[in-house]
Amino acid sequence: IPFMPFITQSDGTIMLETENICKHLATMGGKFVVDSKQEELCKIANSPPMQLADPLYNLPDGGASLGVPPLEKWLEAVTPVLKDLVGKLGDGPFFAGEAPGYGEAFIFHNLDNQFALAKPELTTAIGKEAMAKLEAFYARFAALDGIKEYLAERPKVWGVPGSKGNPA
């Protein structure tokens, strides 16, 4: 078994796929919308280029040793995805409408890394109005019960020492 999150199911089999685990936990928890739109958001969030902000921000070499493109190339790749997400968000407080869905938790995580990594560059790339929509979604999600407490208590610095997230 790899050293990653997994769920041992009642029949003894293990669930390893991140997207399946997210949907499973959301279904069990009953607090997030679970539908095909959320499944699509979770897939977008778990795929390049969205997920590549994680190694870019949290690894000392920005993930280069793992094949992650340099920041400039990532910015080019992520820009159309972020613009598409702004369109998917529309005027709703959440992608699922009035209540958040499970895929939005992963999008929130991506944005958390992306804003820390390159918010000024992303704002230039997608435009101030589009960034304002993403920031508003981020703020609404951050204010959710459970999320706001987590954010208040989590470490203020993370990432491998020597990374952008933890330069010390």
C-alpha atoms as a PDB file:
ATOM      1  CA  ILE A   1       0.000   0.000   0.000  1.00  0.00           C
ATOM      2  CA  PRO A   2       1.416   3.387  -0.930  1.00  0.00           C
ATOM      3  CA  PHE A   3       1.921   6.010   1.740  1.00  0.00           C
ATOM      4  CA  MET A   4      -1.035   8.126   0.779  1.00  0.00           C
ATOM      5  CA  PRO A   5      -4.589   8.538   1.971  1.00  0.00           C
ATOM      6  CA  PHE A   6      -6.698   5.467   1.404  1.00  0.00           C
ATOM      7  CA  ILE A   7      -9.862   3.957   2.805  1.00  0.00           C
ATOM      8  CA  THR A   8     -10.192   0.318   3.750  1.00  0.00           C
ATOM      9  CA  GLN A   9     -13.742  -0.662   2.873  1.00  0.00           C
ATOM     10  CA  SER A  10     -15.928  -3.101   4.786  1.00  0.00           C
ATOM     11  CA  ASP A  11     -15.144  -5.884   2.289  1.00  0.00           C
ATOM     12  CA  GLY A  12     -11.404  -5.410   2.902  1.00  0.00           C
ATOM     13  CA  THR A  13     -10.638  -3.727  -0.414  1.00  0.00           C
ATOM     14  CA  ILE A  14      -8.942  -0.360  -0.403  1.00  0.00           C
ATOM     15  CA  MET A  15     -10.029   2.837  -2.088  1.00  0.00           C
ATOM     16  CA  LEU A  16      -6.990   4.745  -3.371  1.00  0.00           C
ATOM     17  CA  GLU A  17      -8.257   7.166  -6.011  1.00  0.00           C
ATOM     18  CA  THR A  18      -8.426  10.706  -4.633  1.00  0.00           C
ATOM     19  CA  GLU A  19     -11.572  11.663  -6.534  1.00  0.00           C
ATOM     20  CA  ASN A  20     -13.401   8.534  -5.340  1.00  0.00           C
ATOM     21  CA  ILE A  21     -12.319   9.184  -1.759  1.00  0.00           C
ATOM     22  CA  CYS A  22     -13.565  12.788  -1.929  1.00  0.00           C
ATOM     23  CA  LYS A  23     -16.966  11.668  -3.252  1.00  0.00           C
ATOM     24  CA  HIS A  24     -17.181   8.827  -0.719  1.00  0.00           C
ATOM     25  CA  LEU A  25     -16.450  11.120   2.231  1.00  0.00           C
ATOM     26  CA  ALA A  26     -18.918  13.735   0.975  1.00  0.00           C
ATOM     27  CA  THR A  27     -21.608  11.085   0.593  1.00  0.00           C
ATOM     28  CA  MET A  28     -20.939   9.773   4.096  1.00  0.00           C
ATOM     29  CA  GLY A  29     -20.804  13.270   5.627  1.00  0.00           C
ATOM     30  CA  GLY A  30     -23.962  14.547   3.983  1.00  0.00           C
ATOM     31  CA  LYS A  31     -22.882  18.202   4.134  1.00  0.00           C
ATOM     32  CA  PHE A  32     -21.774  18.795   0.543  1.00  0.00           C
ATOM     33  CA  VAL A  33     -23.670  18.542  -2.720  1.00  0.00           C
ATOM     34  CA  VAL A  34     -22.764  15.326  -4.541  1.00  0.00           C
ATOM     35  CA  ASP A  35     -23.622  15.348  -8.242  1.00  0.00           C
ATOM     36  CA  SER A  36     -22.033  15.085 -11.692  1.00  0.00           C
ATOM     37  CA  LYS A  37     -21.052  18.788 -11.682  1.00  0.00           C
ATOM     38  CA  GLN A  38     -19.100  18.232  -8.465  1.00  0.00           C
ATOM     39  CA  GLU A  39     -17.498  15.125  -9.938  1.00  0.00           C
ATOM     40  CA  GLU A  40     -16.318  17.261 -12.876  1.00  0.00           C
ATOM     41  CA  LEU A  41     -14.958  19.966 -10.523  1.00  0.00           C
ATOM     42  CA  CYS A  42     -13.120  17.357  -8.469  1.00  0.00           C
ATOM     43  CA  LYS A  43     -11.523  15.956 -11.636  1.00  0.00           C
ATOM     44  CA  ILE A  44     -10.462  19.445 -12.763  1.00  0.00           C
ATOM     45  CA  ALA A  45      -9.008  20.137  -9.314  1.00  0.00           C
ATOM     46  CA  ASN A  46      -7.135  16.831  -9.182  1.00  0.00           C
ATOM     47  CA  SER A  47      -5.581  17.260 -12.644  1.00  0.00           C
ATOM     48  CA  PRO A  48      -2.888  19.380 -14.231  1.00  0.00           C
ATOM     49  CA  PRO A  49      -2.618  22.287 -14.385  1.00  0.00           C
ATOM     50  CA  MET A  50      -4.758  23.047 -11.303  1.00  0.00           C
ATOM     51  CA  GLN A  51      -3.094  20.520  -9.007  1.00  0.00           C
ATOM     52  CA  LEU A  52       0.417  21.531 -10.105  1.00  0.00           C
ATOM     53  CA  ALA A  53       0.287  24.602  -7.883  1.00  0.00           C
ATOM     54  CA  ASP A  54       0.823  22.177  -4.991  1.00  0.00           C
ATOM     55  CA  PRO A  55       4.346  21.032  -5.969  1.00  0.00           C
ATOM     56  CA  LEU A  56       5.213  24.458  -7.366  1.00  0.00           C
ATOM     57  CA  TYR A  57       4.492  25.984  -3.977  1.00  0.00           C
ATOM     58  CA  ASN A  58       5.406  23.176  -1.597  1.00  0.00           C
ATOM     59  CA  LEU A  59       8.556  21.542  -3.023  1.00  0.00           C
ATOM     60  CA  PRO A  60      12.050  23.086  -2.961  1.00  0.00           C
ATOM     61  CA  ASP A  61      12.571  22.648  -6.703  1.00  0.00           C
ATOM     62  CA  GLY A  62       8.967  23.562  -7.500  1.00  0.00           C
ATOM     63  CA  GLY A  63       8.411  19.973  -8.603  1.00  0.00           C
ATOM     64  CA  ALA A  64      10.887  20.239 -11.492  1.00  0.00           C
ATOM     65  CA  SER A  65      12.439  16.888 -10.528  1.00  0.00           C
ATOM     66  CA  LEU A  66       8.955  15.369 -10.922  1.00  0.00           C
ATOM     67  CA  GLY A  67       8.359  16.960 -14.330  1.00  0.00           C
ATOM     68  CA  VAL A  68       6.327  19.939 -13.141  1.00  0.00           C
ATOM     69  CA  PRO A  69       6.695  22.817 -15.596  1.00  0.00           C
ATOM     70  CA  PRO A  70       8.258  26.096 -14.465  1.00  0.00           C
ATOM     71  CA  LEU A  71       5.961  28.783 -13.049  1.00  0.00           C
ATOM     72  CA  GLU A  72       5.731  30.726 -16.330  1.00  0.00           C
ATOM     73  CA  LYS A  73       4.571  27.659 -18.292  1.00  0.00           C
ATOM     74  CA  TRP A  74       2.144  26.698 -15.504  1.00  0.00           C
ATOM     75  CA  LEU A  75       0.634  30.203 -15.578  1.00  0.00           C
ATOM     76  CA  GLU A  76       0.010  29.831 -19.319  1.00  0.00           C
ATOM     77  CA  ALA A  77      -1.645  26.439 -18.799  1.00  0.00           C
ATOM     78  CA  VAL A  78      -3.776  27.332 -15.769  1.00  0.00           C
ATOM     79  CA  THR A  79      -5.122  30.646 -17.120  1.00  0.00           C
ATOM     80  CA  PRO A  80      -7.803  29.158 -19.424  1.00  0.00           C
ATOM     81  CA  VAL A  81      -8.831  26.674 -16.713  1.00  0.00           C
ATOM     82  CA  LEU A  82      -9.344  29.468 -14.187  1.00  0.00           C
ATOM     83  CA  LYS A  83     -11.303  31.504 -16.726  1.00  0.00           C
ATOM     84  CA  ASP A  84     -13.495  28.470 -17.373  1.00  0.00           C
ATOM     85  CA  LEU A  85     -14.035  28.022 -13.628  1.00  0.00           C
ATOM     86  CA  VAL A  86     -15.169  31.641 -13.345  1.00  0.00           C
ATOM     87  CA  GLY A  87     -17.758  30.865 -16.020  1.00  0.00           C
ATOM     88  CA  LYS A  88     -18.856  27.695 -14.222  1.00  0.00           C
ATOM     89  CA  LEU A  89     -19.216  29.638 -10.969  1.00  0.00           C
ATOM     90  CA  GLY A  90     -21.470  32.188 -12.643  1.00  0.00           C
ATOM     91  CA  ASP A  91     -23.286  34.447 -10.183  1.00  0.00           C
ATOM     92  CA  GLY A  92     -23.818  31.781  -7.547  1.00  0.00           C
ATOM     93  CA  PRO A  93     -22.183  31.864  -4.202  1.00  0.00           C
ATOM     94  CA  PHE A  94     -20.948  28.327  -4.942  1.00  0.00           C
ATOM     95  CA  PHE A  95     -20.540  26.221  -8.065  1.00  0.00           C
ATOM     96  CA  ALA A  96     -23.451  24.059  -6.862  1.00  0.00           C
ATOM     97  CA  GLY A  97     -25.631  27.112  -6.210  1.00  0.00           C
ATOM     98  CA  GLU A  98     -26.590  28.121  -2.680  1.00  0.00           C
ATOM     99  CA  ALA A  99     -24.782  25.208  -1.016  1.00  0.00           C
ATOM    100  CA  PRO A 100     -21.218  24.048  -1.667  1.00  0.00           C
ATOM    101  CA  GLY A 101     -20.344  20.730  -3.237  1.00  0.00           C
ATOM    102  CA  TYR A 102     -17.528  18.326  -2.551  1.00  0.00           C
ATOM    103  CA  GLY A 103     -15.563  19.247  -5.692  1.00  0.00           C
ATOM    104  CA  GLU A 104     -15.489  22.831  -4.454  1.00  0.00           C
ATOM    105  CA  ALA A 105     -13.414  21.784  -1.455  1.00  0.00           C
ATOM    106  CA  PHE A 106     -10.666  20.676  -3.844  1.00  0.00           C
ATOM    107  CA  ILE A 107     -11.011  23.844  -5.938  1.00  0.00           C
ATOM    108  CA  PHE A 108     -10.698  25.845  -2.700  1.00  0.00           C
ATOM    109  CA  HIS A 109      -7.507  23.915  -1.865  1.00  0.00           C
ATOM    110  CA  ASN A 110      -6.120  24.636  -5.349  1.00  0.00           C
ATOM    111  CA  LEU A 111      -6.916  28.336  -5.041  1.00  0.00           C
ATOM    112  CA  ASP A 112      -5.329  28.435  -1.607  1.00  0.00           C
ATOM    113  CA  ASN A 113      -2.041  27.221  -3.100  1.00  0.00           C
ATOM    114  CA  GLN A 114      -2.420  29.284  -6.275  1.00  0.00           C
ATOM    115  CA  PHE A 115      -3.126  32.543  -4.463  1.00  0.00           C
ATOM    116  CA  ALA A 116      -0.094  31.993  -2.211  1.00  0.00           C
ATOM    117  CA  LEU A 117       2.062  31.023  -5.188  1.00  0.00           C
ATOM    118  CA  ALA A 118       1.235  33.659  -7.775  1.00  0.00           C
ATOM    119  CA  LYS A 119      -1.868  35.742  -7.095  1.00  0.00           C
ATOM    120  CA  PRO A 120      -0.598  38.940  -8.775  1.00  0.00           C
ATOM    121  CA  GLU A 121       0.434  36.998 -11.888  1.00  0.00           C
ATOM    122  CA  LEU A 122      -2.880  35.129 -11.962  1.00  0.00           C
ATOM    123  CA  THR A 123      -4.803  38.395 -11.596  1.00  0.00           C
ATOM    124  CA  THR A 124      -2.949  39.822 -14.586  1.00  0.00           C
ATOM    125  CA  ALA A 125      -3.584  36.642 -16.573  1.00  0.00           C
ATOM    126  CA  ILE A 126      -7.333  36.257 -15.918  1.00  0.00           C
ATOM    127  CA  GLY A 127      -8.271  39.877 -15.205  1.00  0.00           C
ATOM    128  CA  LYS A 128      -9.337  41.705 -12.067  1.00  0.00           C
ATOM    129  CA  GLU A 129     -13.059  40.979 -12.479  1.00  0.00           C
ATOM    130  CA  ALA A 130     -12.478  37.235 -12.857  1.00  0.00           C
ATOM    131  CA  MET A 131     -10.090  37.223  -9.902  1.00  0.00           C
ATOM    132  CA  ALA A 132     -12.666  39.061  -7.808  1.00  0.00           C
ATOM    133  CA  LYS A 133     -15.171  36.259  -8.494  1.00  0.00           C
ATOM    134  CA  LEU A 134     -12.648  33.598  -7.452  1.00  0.00           C
ATOM    135  CA  GLU A 135     -11.716  35.607  -4.356  1.00  0.00           C
ATOM    136  CA  ALA A 136     -15.398  35.936  -3.410  1.00  0.00           C
ATOM    137  CA  PHE A 137     -15.895  32.169  -3.793  1.00  0.00           C
ATOM    138  CA  TYR A 138     -12.733  31.559  -1.756  1.00  0.00           C
ATOM    139  CA  ALA A 139     -13.940  33.870   1.026  1.00  0.00           C
ATOM    140  CA  ARG A 140     -17.399  32.234   1.134  1.00  0.00           C
ATOM    141  CA  PHE A 141     -15.891  28.763   1.287  1.00  0.00           C
ATOM    142  CA  ALA A 142     -13.371  29.853   3.936  1.00  0.00           C
ATOM    143  CA  ALA A 143     -16.264  31.127   6.084  1.00  0.00           C
ATOM    144  CA  LEU A 144     -18.058  27.750   6.148  1.00  0.00           C
ATOM    145  CA  ASP A 145     -18.423  26.053   9.516  1.00  0.00           C
ATOM    146  CA  GLY A 146     -15.548  23.674   9.999  1.00  0.00           C
ATOM    147  CA  ILE A 147     -13.447  25.317   7.285  1.00  0.00           C
ATOM    148  CA  LYS A 148     -13.056  28.611   9.155  1.00  0.00           C
ATOM    149  CA  GLU A 149     -11.969  26.750  12.303  1.00  0.00           C
ATOM    150  CA  TYR A 150      -9.484  24.663  10.346  1.00  0.00           C
ATOM    151  CA  LEU A 151      -7.992  27.743   8.693  1.00  0.00           C
ATOM    152  CA  ALA A 152      -7.670  29.527  12.037  1.00  0.00           C
ATOM    153  CA  GLU A 153      -5.807  26.582  13.582  1.00  0.00           C
ATOM    154  CA  ARG A 154      -3.658  25.296  10.721  1.00  0.00           C
ATOM    155  CA  PRO A 155       0.035  26.136  10.598  1.00  0.00           C
ATOM    156  CA  LYS A 156       0.813  29.502   9.044  1.00  0.00           C
ATOM    157  CA  VAL A 157       3.781  28.063   7.139  1.00  0.00           C
ATOM    158  CA  TRP A 158       3.783  24.727   5.322  1.00  0.00           C
ATOM    159  CA  GLY A 159       5.637  23.051   2.525  1.00  0.00           C
ATOM    160  CA  VAL A 160       9.017  21.398   2.479  1.00  0.00           C
ATOM    161  CA  PRO A 161      11.766  23.652   3.886  1.00  0.00           C
ATOM    162  CA  GLY A 162      13.354  25.516   1.008  1.00  0.00           C
ATOM    163  CA  SER A 163      10.091  25.727  -0.960  1.00  0.00           C
ATOM    164  CA  LYS A 164       8.163  28.898  -1.802  1.00  0.00           C
ATOM    165  CA  GLY A 165       5.713  27.926   0.923  1.00  0.00           C
ATOM    166  CA  ASN A 166       8.440  27.412   3.506  1.00  0.00           C
ATOM    167  CA  PRO A 167      11.543  29.341   2.415  1.00  0.00           C
ATOM    168  CA  ALA A 168      13.269  28.992   5.816  1.00  0.00           C
END
